[in-house]
C-alpha cells in the first residue's frame, strides 16, 4: 500500500496523472490534425470543381456533339475496339483539357469506324460521332491532359468540331490494335497512311 505522505509515492502519483493528461492531449491533437486534413482535402476538391466549372464556362461556345447515327446508317465496320476514353484537349496542346459537352469525362469506350465516320459510345457518359469529313488524322502518343502512358500507349485522334481542332485520347484493351487504327483513320482523313510518320515525341513537341 502506498503511503500518501511518502515523497516517492507522491512523485509516482504525479507522474501517473501527468501521463494520463498527456494521453488526453495527444488524442485531442490527433483529432485536430484529422479534422484539419479533411478540411484541406475538401477545400482542394472544391477548388478543383470550381476550376472545372470555370473552364467549362470558357468553353461554352463549343458546339453540341454530333450523335451516332443508327447502326443501319453507319454501314459496315472497318474497325472496332473496346477500351478507355482518357479525355480531349485543344489539338497540339496536350494540357489544355476540354471539359465542355462532356468531353472531360473519362470513361469506358467502344469505337466503331466506318466509311461514314467514327462512332464513340461511352457507357455512363455522353456518346458522340465524328463524321469522316471532320477527321484530321491520328497518331500514337504517350499522354494527354493528366494521363501519361508508355510511349505509343495512347491512340490520339485529331478531329474538328465547329472551328476548333480537338485531340481525343483513347486506349484499347489490346494496345497492339493502335497501329491499325492510326493507318485506317489517317487514310480516311486523307493524310499519309504510314503510322510511324504520325507518331511524335511529346517531349520534343513541348
N, C-alpha and C. Protein backbone atom coordinates (compact mmCIF):
# COMPACT_ATOMS: atom_id res chain seq x y z
N UNK A 1 0.86 -1.18 0.00
CA UNK A 1 0.00 0.00 0.00
C UNK A 1 0.90 1.23 0.00
N UNK A 2 0.55 2.26 -0.86
CA UNK A 2 1.39 3.46 -0.99
C UNK A 2 1.09 4.41 0.15
N UNK A 3 2.11 4.87 0.80
CA UNK A 3 1.98 5.85 1.87
C UNK A 3 1.77 7.22 1.25
N UNK A 4 0.61 7.89 1.53
CA UNK A 4 0.32 9.17 0.89
C UNK A 4 1.30 10.25 1.25
N UNK A 5 2.02 10.09 2.35
CA UNK A 5 2.99 11.13 2.73
C UNK A 5 4.39 10.81 2.24
N UNK A 6 4.56 9.64 1.64
CA UNK A 6 5.85 9.23 1.12
C UNK A 6 6.16 10.08 -0.11
N UNK A 7 7.28 10.83 -0.15
CA UNK A 7 7.62 11.67 -1.31
C UNK A 7 7.73 10.87 -2.59
N UNK A 8 8.30 9.71 -2.50
CA UNK A 8 8.44 8.87 -3.70
C UNK A 8 7.07 8.47 -4.23
N UNK A 9 6.18 8.10 -3.33
CA UNK A 9 4.84 7.71 -3.74
C UNK A 9 4.10 8.89 -4.37
N UNK A 10 4.28 10.06 -3.77
CA UNK A 10 3.64 11.25 -4.34
C UNK A 10 4.15 11.55 -5.73
N UNK A 11 5.44 11.34 -5.90
CA UNK A 11 6.04 11.57 -7.21
C UNK A 11 5.43 10.62 -8.26
N UNK A 12 5.24 9.36 -7.85
CA UNK A 12 4.64 8.39 -8.76
C UNK A 12 3.21 8.77 -9.12
N UNK A 13 2.47 9.28 -8.14
CA UNK A 13 1.08 9.69 -8.41
C UNK A 13 1.05 10.84 -9.40
N UNK A 14 1.99 11.80 -9.20
CA UNK A 14 2.04 12.95 -10.13
C UNK A 14 2.41 12.50 -11.53
N UNK A 15 3.35 11.58 -11.63
CA UNK A 15 3.73 11.07 -12.96
C UNK A 15 2.56 10.39 -13.65
N UNK A 16 1.80 9.59 -12.90
CA UNK A 16 0.64 8.91 -13.47
C UNK A 16 -0.39 9.91 -13.96
N UNK A 17 -0.62 10.96 -13.14
CA UNK A 17 -1.60 11.98 -13.53
C UNK A 17 -1.14 12.72 -14.78
N UNK A 18 0.18 13.05 -14.80
CA UNK A 18 0.71 13.76 -15.97
C UNK A 18 0.63 12.89 -17.23
N UNK A 19 0.90 11.58 -17.06
CA UNK A 19 0.82 10.67 -18.20
C UNK A 19 -0.60 10.60 -18.73
N UNK A 20 -1.56 10.52 -17.80
CA UNK A 20 -2.97 10.47 -18.20
C UNK A 20 -3.36 11.75 -18.93
N UNK A 21 -2.93 12.90 -18.38
CA UNK A 21 -3.23 14.17 -19.02
C UNK A 21 -2.60 14.25 -20.41
N UNK A 22 -1.34 13.75 -20.51
CA UNK A 22 -0.65 13.77 -21.79
C UNK A 22 -1.37 12.92 -22.82
N UNK A 23 -1.88 11.75 -22.39
CA UNK A 23 -2.62 10.89 -23.31
C UNK A 23 -3.84 11.61 -23.87
N UNK A 24 -4.58 12.30 -23.02
CA UNK A 24 -5.76 13.04 -23.47
C UNK A 24 -5.35 14.13 -24.45
N UNK A 25 -4.26 14.82 -24.16
CA UNK A 25 -3.78 15.88 -25.05
C UNK A 25 -3.39 15.32 -26.41
N UNK A 26 -2.73 14.15 -26.45
CA UNK A 26 -2.34 13.52 -27.71
C UNK A 26 -3.55 13.21 -28.56
N UNK A 27 -4.60 12.65 -27.96
CA UNK A 27 -5.81 12.33 -28.72
C UNK A 27 -6.44 13.59 -29.29
N UNK A 28 -6.47 14.63 -28.51
CA UNK A 28 -7.05 15.89 -29.00
C UNK A 28 -6.26 16.42 -30.19
N UNK A 29 -4.92 16.31 -30.10
CA UNK A 29 -4.08 16.78 -31.20
C UNK A 29 -4.31 15.96 -32.46
N UNK A 30 -4.42 14.65 -32.27
CA UNK A 30 -4.66 13.78 -33.43
C UNK A 30 -5.99 14.09 -34.09
N UNK A 31 -7.01 14.29 -33.27
CA UNK A 31 -8.34 14.62 -33.82
C UNK A 31 -8.27 15.95 -34.56
N UNK A 32 -7.53 16.90 -33.99
CA UNK A 32 -7.38 18.19 -34.65
C UNK A 32 -6.70 18.07 -36.00
N UNK A 33 -5.64 17.23 -36.06
CA UNK A 33 -4.94 17.02 -37.33
C UNK A 33 -5.84 16.36 -38.36
N UNK A 34 -6.63 15.38 -37.94
CA UNK A 34 -7.53 14.69 -38.87
C UNK A 34 -8.59 15.65 -39.41
N UNK A 35 -9.17 16.45 -38.50
CA UNK A 35 -10.18 17.42 -38.94
C UNK A 35 -9.57 18.44 -39.90
N UNK A 36 -8.36 18.91 -39.57
CA UNK A 36 -7.69 19.86 -40.44
C UNK A 36 -7.39 19.28 -41.82
N UNK A 37 -6.95 18.01 -41.83
CA UNK A 37 -6.66 17.35 -43.10
C UNK A 37 -7.91 17.18 -43.94
N UNK A 38 -9.01 16.79 -43.30
CA UNK A 38 -10.27 16.64 -44.03
C UNK A 38 -10.75 17.97 -44.60
N UNK A 39 -10.60 19.03 -43.83
CA UNK A 39 -10.98 20.35 -44.32
C UNK A 39 -10.12 20.77 -45.50
N UNK A 40 -8.81 20.44 -45.43
CA UNK A 40 -7.91 20.78 -46.53
C UNK A 40 -8.29 20.02 -47.80
N UNK A 41 -8.59 18.72 -47.65
CA UNK A 41 -9.00 17.91 -48.80
C UNK A 41 -10.29 18.46 -49.40
N UNK A 42 -11.23 18.83 -48.53
CA UNK A 42 -12.50 19.39 -49.02
C UNK A 42 -12.26 20.69 -49.78
N UNK A 43 -11.33 21.51 -49.28
CA UNK A 43 -11.02 22.77 -49.96
C UNK A 43 -10.40 22.52 -51.32
N UNK A 44 -9.44 21.59 -51.39
CA UNK A 44 -8.81 21.26 -52.68
C UNK A 44 -9.84 20.74 -53.67
N UNK A 45 -10.72 19.87 -53.20
CA UNK A 45 -11.77 19.32 -54.06
C UNK A 45 -12.68 20.44 -54.58
N UNK A 46 -13.04 21.36 -53.67
CA UNK A 46 -13.92 22.46 -54.06
C UNK A 46 -13.24 23.35 -55.11
N UNK A 47 -11.94 23.65 -54.90
CA UNK A 47 -11.21 24.47 -55.86
C UNK A 47 -11.11 23.78 -57.22
N UNK A 48 -10.87 22.46 -57.19
CA UNK A 48 -10.81 21.72 -58.46
C UNK A 48 -12.15 21.76 -59.17
N UNK A 49 -13.23 21.60 -58.41
CA UNK A 49 -14.56 21.62 -59.01
C UNK A 49 -14.88 22.98 -59.60
N UNK A 50 -14.52 24.05 -58.86
CA UNK A 50 -14.76 25.39 -59.37
C UNK A 50 -13.93 25.66 -60.62
N UNK A 51 -12.67 25.18 -60.62
CA UNK A 51 -11.82 25.34 -61.80
C UNK A 51 -12.39 24.62 -63.00
N UNK A 52 -12.94 23.43 -62.75
CA UNK A 52 -13.56 22.64 -63.82
C UNK A 52 -14.75 23.40 -64.40
N UNK A 53 -15.60 23.95 -63.50
CA UNK A 53 -16.78 24.70 -63.94
C UNK A 53 -16.38 25.96 -64.69
N UNK A 54 -15.32 26.61 -64.21
CA UNK A 54 -14.85 27.82 -64.88
C UNK A 54 -14.34 27.51 -66.28
N UNK A 55 -13.59 26.40 -66.39
CA UNK A 55 -13.10 26.00 -67.71
C UNK A 55 -14.26 25.67 -68.64
N UNK A 56 -15.28 24.98 -68.12
CA UNK A 56 -16.45 24.68 -68.93
C UNK A 56 -17.15 25.93 -69.40
N UNK A 57 -17.21 26.96 -68.55
CA UNK A 57 -17.84 28.23 -68.93
C UNK A 57 -17.05 28.89 -70.05
N UNK A 58 -15.72 28.88 -69.95
CA UNK A 58 -14.89 29.46 -71.00
C UNK A 58 -15.06 28.74 -72.34
N UNK A 59 -15.40 27.45 -72.27
CA UNK A 59 -15.57 26.66 -73.49
C UNK A 59 -17.03 26.55 -73.90
N UNK A 60 -17.84 27.48 -73.40
CA UNK A 60 -19.28 27.42 -73.67
C UNK A 60 -19.65 27.59 -75.14
N UNK A 61 -18.70 28.09 -75.95
CA UNK A 61 -19.00 28.27 -77.37
C UNK A 61 -18.80 26.99 -78.18
N UNK A 62 -18.38 25.91 -77.52
CA UNK A 62 -18.16 24.65 -78.24
C UNK A 62 -19.51 24.10 -78.71
N UNK A 63 -19.64 23.75 -79.99
CA UNK A 63 -20.93 23.25 -80.48
C UNK A 63 -21.32 21.92 -79.83
N UNK A 64 -22.60 21.59 -79.95
CA UNK A 64 -23.08 20.30 -79.47
C UNK A 64 -22.38 19.18 -80.23
N UNK A 65 -22.14 18.08 -79.53
CA UNK A 65 -21.50 16.93 -80.16
C UNK A 65 -22.50 16.22 -81.08
N UNK A 66 -22.08 15.89 -82.31
CA UNK A 66 -22.94 15.08 -83.16
C UNK A 66 -23.19 13.72 -82.51
N UNK A 67 -24.41 13.22 -82.61
CA UNK A 67 -24.74 11.93 -82.02
C UNK A 67 -24.58 10.81 -83.05
N UNK A 68 -24.18 9.61 -82.60
CA UNK A 68 -24.02 8.50 -83.54
C UNK A 68 -25.33 8.18 -84.25
N UNK A 69 -25.28 7.98 -85.57
CA UNK A 69 -26.49 7.58 -86.29
C UNK A 69 -26.87 6.14 -85.95
N UNK A 70 -28.02 5.74 -86.42
CA UNK A 70 -28.46 4.37 -86.21
C UNK A 70 -27.47 3.41 -86.87
N UNK A 71 -27.28 2.22 -86.30
CA UNK A 71 -26.32 1.26 -86.86
C UNK A 71 -26.51 1.01 -88.35
N UNK A 72 -27.75 0.99 -88.81
CA UNK A 72 -28.01 0.74 -90.22
C UNK A 72 -27.46 1.85 -91.10
N UNK A 73 -27.38 3.06 -90.55
CA UNK A 73 -26.88 4.20 -91.32
C UNK A 73 -25.36 4.30 -91.28
N UNK A 74 -24.74 3.60 -90.35
CA UNK A 74 -23.29 3.66 -90.24
C UNK A 74 -22.58 2.87 -91.34
N UNK A 75 -23.21 1.80 -91.78
CA UNK A 75 -22.57 0.94 -92.75
C UNK A 75 -21.67 -0.08 -92.06
N UNK A 76 -21.01 -0.93 -92.84
CA UNK A 76 -20.16 -1.98 -92.26
C UNK A 76 -18.96 -1.38 -91.53
N UNK A 77 -18.59 -2.02 -90.43
CA UNK A 77 -17.46 -1.53 -89.62
C UNK A 77 -16.13 -1.91 -90.26
N UNK A 78 -15.24 -0.95 -90.35
CA UNK A 78 -13.88 -1.23 -90.78
C UNK A 78 -13.04 -1.73 -89.60
N UNK A 79 -13.25 -1.08 -88.46
CA UNK A 79 -12.53 -1.46 -87.24
C UNK A 79 -13.44 -1.20 -86.04
N UNK A 80 -13.21 -1.93 -84.98
CA UNK A 80 -13.90 -1.66 -83.72
C UNK A 80 -12.96 -2.01 -82.58
N UNK A 81 -13.15 -1.34 -81.47
CA UNK A 81 -12.33 -1.65 -80.29
C UNK A 81 -13.10 -1.31 -79.02
N UNK A 82 -12.68 -1.93 -77.94
CA UNK A 82 -13.17 -1.61 -76.60
C UNK A 82 -11.97 -1.16 -75.78
N UNK A 83 -12.16 -0.14 -74.99
CA UNK A 83 -11.05 0.37 -74.19
C UNK A 83 -11.50 1.49 -73.30
N UNK A 84 -10.64 2.52 -73.20
CA UNK A 84 -10.94 3.66 -72.34
C UNK A 84 -10.76 4.97 -73.09
N UNK A 85 -11.63 5.92 -72.75
CA UNK A 85 -11.50 7.29 -73.24
C UNK A 85 -10.82 8.09 -72.15
N UNK A 86 -9.69 8.74 -72.48
CA UNK A 86 -8.90 9.43 -71.46
C UNK A 86 -9.03 10.94 -71.50
N UNK A 87 -9.79 11.49 -72.44
CA UNK A 87 -10.00 12.94 -72.44
C UNK A 87 -9.66 13.57 -73.77
N UNK A 88 -9.98 14.87 -73.86
CA UNK A 88 -9.73 15.65 -75.07
C UNK A 88 -9.07 16.97 -74.72
N UNK A 89 -8.26 17.46 -75.64
CA UNK A 89 -7.59 18.75 -75.47
C UNK A 89 -7.66 19.51 -76.78
N UNK A 90 -7.32 20.79 -76.72
CA UNK A 90 -7.11 21.55 -77.95
C UNK A 90 -5.96 20.89 -78.71
N UNK A 91 -6.14 20.70 -80.00
CA UNK A 91 -5.14 19.98 -80.80
C UNK A 91 -3.77 20.62 -80.67
N UNK A 92 -2.77 19.77 -80.39
CA UNK A 92 -1.40 20.24 -80.27
C UNK A 92 -1.04 20.80 -78.91
N UNK A 93 -2.03 20.88 -78.00
CA UNK A 93 -1.78 21.42 -76.65
C UNK A 93 -2.26 20.38 -75.64
N UNK A 94 -1.41 19.45 -75.29
CA UNK A 94 -1.82 18.25 -74.58
C UNK A 94 -2.28 18.51 -73.14
N UNK A 95 -2.05 19.72 -72.61
CA UNK A 95 -2.51 20.04 -71.27
C UNK A 95 -3.75 20.93 -71.25
N UNK A 96 -4.17 21.40 -72.41
CA UNK A 96 -5.34 22.28 -72.49
C UNK A 96 -6.61 21.44 -72.58
N UNK A 97 -7.02 20.91 -71.43
CA UNK A 97 -8.15 19.98 -71.38
C UNK A 97 -9.46 20.65 -71.80
N UNK A 98 -10.26 19.92 -72.55
CA UNK A 98 -11.60 20.36 -72.93
C UNK A 98 -12.60 19.60 -72.05
N UNK A 99 -13.45 20.35 -71.33
CA UNK A 99 -14.42 19.72 -70.44
C UNK A 99 -15.86 19.95 -70.89
N UNK A 100 -16.08 20.93 -71.77
CA UNK A 100 -17.44 21.23 -72.23
C UNK A 100 -18.01 20.06 -73.02
N UNK A 101 -19.34 20.00 -73.05
CA UNK A 101 -20.07 18.96 -73.80
C UNK A 101 -19.73 17.55 -73.34
N UNK A 102 -19.27 17.41 -72.10
CA UNK A 102 -18.98 16.07 -71.57
C UNK A 102 -17.67 15.48 -72.02
N UNK A 103 -16.86 16.24 -72.75
CA UNK A 103 -15.60 15.69 -73.26
C UNK A 103 -14.55 15.54 -72.16
N UNK A 104 -14.79 16.12 -70.99
CA UNK A 104 -13.84 15.98 -69.91
C UNK A 104 -14.03 14.74 -69.06
N UNK A 105 -15.09 13.99 -69.32
CA UNK A 105 -15.42 12.81 -68.50
C UNK A 105 -14.69 11.58 -69.02
N UNK A 106 -13.82 11.02 -68.20
CA UNK A 106 -13.15 9.78 -68.58
C UNK A 106 -14.11 8.61 -68.40
N UNK A 107 -13.98 7.61 -69.26
CA UNK A 107 -14.96 6.52 -69.23
C UNK A 107 -14.48 5.33 -70.04
N UNK A 108 -15.19 4.24 -69.89
CA UNK A 108 -15.05 3.14 -70.84
C UNK A 108 -15.55 3.62 -72.19
N UNK A 109 -15.07 2.96 -73.26
CA UNK A 109 -15.49 3.40 -74.59
C UNK A 109 -15.51 2.23 -75.55
N UNK A 110 -16.39 2.33 -76.52
CA UNK A 110 -16.43 1.41 -77.65
C UNK A 110 -16.38 2.25 -78.92
N UNK A 111 -15.36 2.01 -79.75
CA UNK A 111 -15.20 2.75 -81.00
C UNK A 111 -15.56 1.87 -82.18
N UNK A 112 -16.28 2.46 -83.12
CA UNK A 112 -16.60 1.78 -84.37
C UNK A 112 -16.29 2.72 -85.53
N UNK A 113 -15.40 2.30 -86.40
CA UNK A 113 -15.00 3.10 -87.55
C UNK A 113 -15.63 2.54 -88.82
N UNK A 114 -16.34 3.40 -89.54
CA UNK A 114 -16.93 3.03 -90.83
C UNK A 114 -16.56 4.11 -91.85
N UNK A 115 -17.00 3.93 -93.08
CA UNK A 115 -16.74 4.94 -94.10
C UNK A 115 -17.44 6.25 -93.78
N UNK A 116 -18.47 6.19 -92.94
CA UNK A 116 -19.22 7.41 -92.57
C UNK A 116 -18.52 8.21 -91.48
N UNK A 117 -17.70 7.55 -90.68
CA UNK A 117 -17.02 8.25 -89.60
C UNK A 117 -16.77 7.35 -88.41
N UNK A 118 -16.57 7.97 -87.26
CA UNK A 118 -16.21 7.26 -86.04
C UNK A 118 -17.31 7.43 -84.99
N UNK A 119 -17.91 6.31 -84.58
CA UNK A 119 -18.90 6.32 -83.51
C UNK A 119 -18.20 6.07 -82.18
N UNK A 120 -18.42 6.97 -81.22
CA UNK A 120 -17.79 6.87 -79.90
C UNK A 120 -18.91 6.63 -78.88
N UNK A 121 -19.00 5.41 -78.39
CA UNK A 121 -20.05 5.04 -77.44
C UNK A 121 -19.42 4.89 -76.07
N UNK A 122 -19.94 5.65 -75.09
CA UNK A 122 -19.33 5.68 -73.76
C UNK A 122 -20.36 5.34 -72.69
N UNK A 123 -20.34 4.14 -72.15
CA UNK A 123 -21.27 3.78 -71.08
C UNK A 123 -21.12 4.72 -69.89
N UNK A 124 -22.23 5.32 -69.47
CA UNK A 124 -22.19 6.23 -68.33
C UNK A 124 -21.77 7.65 -68.67
N UNK A 125 -21.46 7.94 -69.93
CA UNK A 125 -21.08 9.29 -70.36
C UNK A 125 -21.72 9.55 -71.72
N UNK A 126 -21.52 10.77 -72.23
CA UNK A 126 -22.19 11.17 -73.46
C UNK A 126 -21.51 10.55 -74.69
N UNK A 127 -22.32 9.89 -75.52
CA UNK A 127 -21.81 9.35 -76.79
C UNK A 127 -21.64 10.51 -77.78
N UNK A 128 -20.78 10.28 -78.78
CA UNK A 128 -20.69 11.27 -79.85
C UNK A 128 -20.20 10.61 -81.13
N UNK A 129 -20.28 11.36 -82.20
CA UNK A 129 -19.93 10.85 -83.54
C UNK A 129 -19.03 11.85 -84.23
N UNK A 130 -17.97 11.34 -84.86
CA UNK A 130 -17.07 12.19 -85.64
C UNK A 130 -17.25 11.82 -87.11
N UNK A 131 -17.93 12.66 -87.88
CA UNK A 131 -18.10 12.34 -89.31
C UNK A 131 -16.76 12.22 -90.01
N UNK A 132 -16.71 11.42 -91.05
CA UNK A 132 -15.45 11.21 -91.78
C UNK A 132 -14.86 12.53 -92.25
N UNK A 133 -15.72 13.47 -92.65
CA UNK A 133 -15.24 14.76 -93.13
C UNK A 133 -14.63 15.62 -92.04
N UNK A 134 -14.83 15.26 -90.76
CA UNK A 134 -14.27 16.03 -89.65
C UNK A 134 -12.99 15.42 -89.10
N UNK A 135 -12.63 14.24 -89.57
CA UNK A 135 -11.39 13.60 -89.13
C UNK A 135 -10.19 14.31 -89.75
N UNK A 136 -9.18 14.56 -88.93
CA UNK A 136 -7.99 15.27 -89.42
C UNK A 136 -6.71 14.46 -89.26
N UNK A 137 -6.81 13.25 -88.72
CA UNK A 137 -5.62 12.43 -88.59
C UNK A 137 -5.59 11.68 -87.27
N UNK A 138 -4.54 10.88 -87.10
CA UNK A 138 -4.37 10.10 -85.87
C UNK A 138 -2.89 9.81 -85.69
N UNK A 139 -2.52 9.54 -84.45
CA UNK A 139 -1.12 9.24 -84.14
C UNK A 139 -1.05 8.40 -82.88
N UNK A 140 0.11 7.81 -82.65
CA UNK A 140 0.40 7.15 -81.39
C UNK A 140 1.13 8.14 -80.49
N UNK A 141 0.75 8.18 -79.23
CA UNK A 141 1.35 9.13 -78.30
C UNK A 141 1.44 8.49 -76.92
N UNK A 142 1.88 9.27 -75.94
CA UNK A 142 2.03 8.68 -74.61
C UNK A 142 1.32 9.44 -73.50
N UNK A 143 0.63 10.53 -73.83
CA UNK A 143 -0.06 11.24 -72.76
C UNK A 143 -1.02 12.28 -73.27
N UNK A 144 -2.01 12.59 -72.42
CA UNK A 144 -2.96 13.65 -72.73
C UNK A 144 -3.62 14.10 -71.43
N UNK A 145 -3.57 15.39 -71.16
CA UNK A 145 -4.31 16.04 -70.07
C UNK A 145 -4.28 15.24 -68.76
N UNK A 146 -3.11 15.03 -68.22
CA UNK A 146 -3.01 14.39 -66.93
C UNK A 146 -2.91 12.87 -66.96
N UNK A 147 -2.93 12.26 -68.14
CA UNK A 147 -2.79 10.82 -68.25
C UNK A 147 -1.56 10.52 -69.08
N UNK A 148 -0.56 9.86 -68.46
CA UNK A 148 0.68 9.53 -69.16
C UNK A 148 0.84 8.02 -69.16
N UNK A 149 1.10 7.47 -70.34
CA UNK A 149 1.28 6.03 -70.50
C UNK A 149 2.65 5.77 -71.12
N UNK A 150 2.90 4.51 -71.43
CA UNK A 150 4.14 4.17 -72.12
C UNK A 150 4.12 4.77 -73.52
N UNK A 151 5.30 4.96 -74.09
CA UNK A 151 5.41 5.51 -75.44
C UNK A 151 4.54 4.69 -76.40
N UNK A 152 3.69 5.37 -77.15
CA UNK A 152 2.81 4.70 -78.10
C UNK A 152 1.61 4.03 -77.46
N UNK A 153 1.40 4.25 -76.16
CA UNK A 153 0.30 3.58 -75.46
C UNK A 153 -1.04 4.25 -75.62
N UNK A 154 -1.07 5.39 -76.31
CA UNK A 154 -2.30 6.14 -76.46
C UNK A 154 -2.59 6.38 -77.94
N UNK A 155 -3.83 6.15 -78.33
CA UNK A 155 -4.29 6.47 -79.67
C UNK A 155 -4.92 7.85 -79.63
N UNK A 156 -4.31 8.82 -80.29
CA UNK A 156 -4.82 10.20 -80.29
C UNK A 156 -5.41 10.50 -81.66
N UNK A 157 -6.69 10.86 -81.64
CA UNK A 157 -7.41 11.16 -82.88
C UNK A 157 -7.66 12.66 -82.95
N UNK A 158 -7.24 13.28 -84.04
CA UNK A 158 -7.46 14.71 -84.25
C UNK A 158 -8.68 14.89 -85.13
N UNK A 159 -9.59 15.76 -84.67
CA UNK A 159 -10.82 15.99 -85.41
C UNK A 159 -11.31 17.42 -85.20
N UNK A 160 -12.28 17.82 -86.00
CA UNK A 160 -12.75 19.20 -85.94
C UNK A 160 -14.19 19.25 -85.46
N UNK A 161 -14.44 20.16 -84.51
CA UNK A 161 -15.79 20.40 -84.02
C UNK A 161 -16.02 21.90 -84.11
N UNK A 162 -16.90 22.30 -85.03
CA UNK A 162 -17.05 23.73 -85.28
C UNK A 162 -15.76 24.28 -85.86
N UNK A 163 -15.23 25.34 -85.24
CA UNK A 163 -13.96 25.91 -85.72
C UNK A 163 -12.79 25.51 -84.84
N UNK A 164 -12.99 24.47 -84.01
CA UNK A 164 -11.94 24.06 -83.06
C UNK A 164 -11.39 22.69 -83.44
N UNK A 165 -10.06 22.58 -83.49
CA UNK A 165 -9.41 21.29 -83.69
C UNK A 165 -9.18 20.64 -82.34
N UNK A 166 -9.53 19.37 -82.23
CA UNK A 166 -9.50 18.66 -80.95
C UNK A 166 -8.66 17.40 -81.08
N UNK A 167 -7.88 17.11 -80.05
CA UNK A 167 -7.19 15.82 -79.89
C UNK A 167 -7.94 15.02 -78.83
N UNK A 168 -8.38 13.81 -79.18
CA UNK A 168 -9.04 12.94 -78.21
C UNK A 168 -8.19 11.69 -78.02
N UNK A 169 -7.97 11.32 -76.75
CA UNK A 169 -7.10 10.19 -76.44
C UNK A 169 -7.86 8.95 -76.04
N UNK A 170 -7.51 7.82 -76.66
CA UNK A 170 -8.14 6.53 -76.38
C UNK A 170 -7.05 5.48 -76.16
N UNK A 171 -7.40 4.48 -75.38
CA UNK A 171 -6.50 3.33 -75.22
C UNK A 171 -7.32 2.05 -75.34
N UNK A 172 -6.94 1.22 -76.29
CA UNK A 172 -7.62 -0.05 -76.47
C UNK A 172 -7.23 -1.03 -75.37
N UNK A 173 -8.13 -1.95 -75.07
CA UNK A 173 -7.78 -3.03 -74.15
C UNK A 173 -6.67 -3.90 -74.74
N UNK A 174 -6.51 -3.84 -76.05
CA UNK A 174 -5.43 -4.55 -76.74
C UNK A 174 -4.62 -3.50 -77.51
N UNK A 175 -3.60 -2.96 -76.85
CA UNK A 175 -2.85 -1.83 -77.41
C UNK A 175 -2.21 -2.14 -78.75
N UNK A 176 -2.03 -3.42 -79.07
CA UNK A 176 -1.44 -3.78 -80.36
C UNK A 176 -2.32 -3.34 -81.52
N UNK A 177 -3.61 -3.05 -81.25
CA UNK A 177 -4.52 -2.61 -82.31
C UNK A 177 -4.27 -1.16 -82.75
N UNK A 178 -3.56 -0.40 -81.95
CA UNK A 178 -3.44 1.03 -82.19
C UNK A 178 -2.89 1.37 -83.57
N UNK A 179 -1.87 0.63 -84.00
CA UNK A 179 -1.24 0.95 -85.28
C UNK A 179 -2.22 0.81 -86.44
N UNK A 180 -3.05 -0.24 -86.42
CA UNK A 180 -4.05 -0.42 -87.48
C UNK A 180 -5.04 0.73 -87.47
N UNK A 181 -5.38 1.22 -86.27
CA UNK A 181 -6.30 2.35 -86.18
C UNK A 181 -5.69 3.62 -86.73
N UNK A 182 -4.41 3.86 -86.45
CA UNK A 182 -3.75 5.04 -87.00
C UNK A 182 -3.77 4.99 -88.52
N UNK A 183 -3.45 3.84 -89.09
CA UNK A 183 -3.44 3.70 -90.55
C UNK A 183 -4.83 3.97 -91.14
N UNK A 184 -5.86 3.35 -90.56
CA UNK A 184 -7.21 3.49 -91.10
C UNK A 184 -7.74 4.91 -90.94
N UNK A 185 -7.52 5.51 -89.80
CA UNK A 185 -8.01 6.87 -89.57
C UNK A 185 -7.29 7.90 -90.43
N UNK A 186 -5.98 7.72 -90.58
CA UNK A 186 -5.22 8.65 -91.41
C UNK A 186 -5.64 8.53 -92.86
N UNK A 187 -5.88 7.31 -93.30
CA UNK A 187 -6.34 7.10 -94.67
C UNK A 187 -7.72 7.73 -94.88
N UNK A 188 -8.63 7.53 -93.92
CA UNK A 188 -9.98 8.07 -94.05
C UNK A 188 -9.98 9.60 -94.02
N UNK A 189 -9.01 10.17 -93.31
CA UNK A 189 -8.95 11.63 -93.23
C UNK A 189 -8.21 12.25 -94.40
N UNK A 190 -7.64 11.40 -95.25
CA UNK A 190 -6.96 11.91 -96.44
C UNK A 190 -5.49 12.20 -96.25
N UNK A 191 -4.91 11.76 -95.13
CA UNK A 191 -3.48 12.01 -94.88
C UNK A 191 -2.65 10.81 -95.27
N UNK A 192 -1.34 10.85 -94.99
CA UNK A 192 -0.46 9.71 -95.27
C UNK A 192 -0.85 8.53 -94.42
N UNK A 193 -0.69 7.34 -94.95
CA UNK A 193 -1.16 6.15 -94.26
C UNK A 193 -0.08 5.47 -93.41
N UNK A 194 1.13 6.04 -93.37
CA UNK A 194 2.21 5.44 -92.60
C UNK A 194 2.05 5.80 -91.13
N UNK A 195 1.74 4.81 -90.29
CA UNK A 195 1.51 5.09 -88.87
C UNK A 195 2.74 5.66 -88.20
N UNK A 196 3.92 5.19 -88.62
CA UNK A 196 5.14 5.67 -87.98
C UNK A 196 5.32 7.16 -88.20
N UNK A 197 4.89 7.63 -89.37
CA UNK A 197 5.07 9.05 -89.68
C UNK A 197 4.18 9.92 -88.83
N UNK A 198 3.10 9.34 -88.27
CA UNK A 198 2.18 10.14 -87.47
C UNK A 198 2.56 10.17 -86.01
N UNK A 199 3.48 9.27 -85.60
CA UNK A 199 3.92 9.27 -84.21
C UNK A 199 4.85 10.45 -83.99
N UNK A 200 4.88 10.97 -82.75
CA UNK A 200 5.80 12.04 -82.46
C UNK A 200 6.21 11.98 -81.02
N UNK A 201 7.33 12.61 -80.73
CA UNK A 201 7.84 12.64 -79.37
C UNK A 201 7.26 13.84 -78.65
N UNK A 202 6.49 13.60 -77.60
CA UNK A 202 5.83 14.68 -76.90
C UNK A 202 6.85 15.63 -76.26
N UNK A 203 7.97 15.09 -75.82
CA UNK A 203 8.95 15.96 -75.20
C UNK A 203 9.46 17.00 -76.19
N UNK A 204 9.64 16.55 -77.42
CA UNK A 204 10.10 17.48 -78.44
C UNK A 204 9.05 18.50 -78.79
N UNK A 205 7.77 18.06 -78.74
CA UNK A 205 6.68 18.97 -79.08
C UNK A 205 6.55 20.08 -78.05
N UNK A 206 6.92 19.77 -76.81
CA UNK A 206 6.82 20.79 -75.76
C UNK A 206 7.95 21.81 -75.89
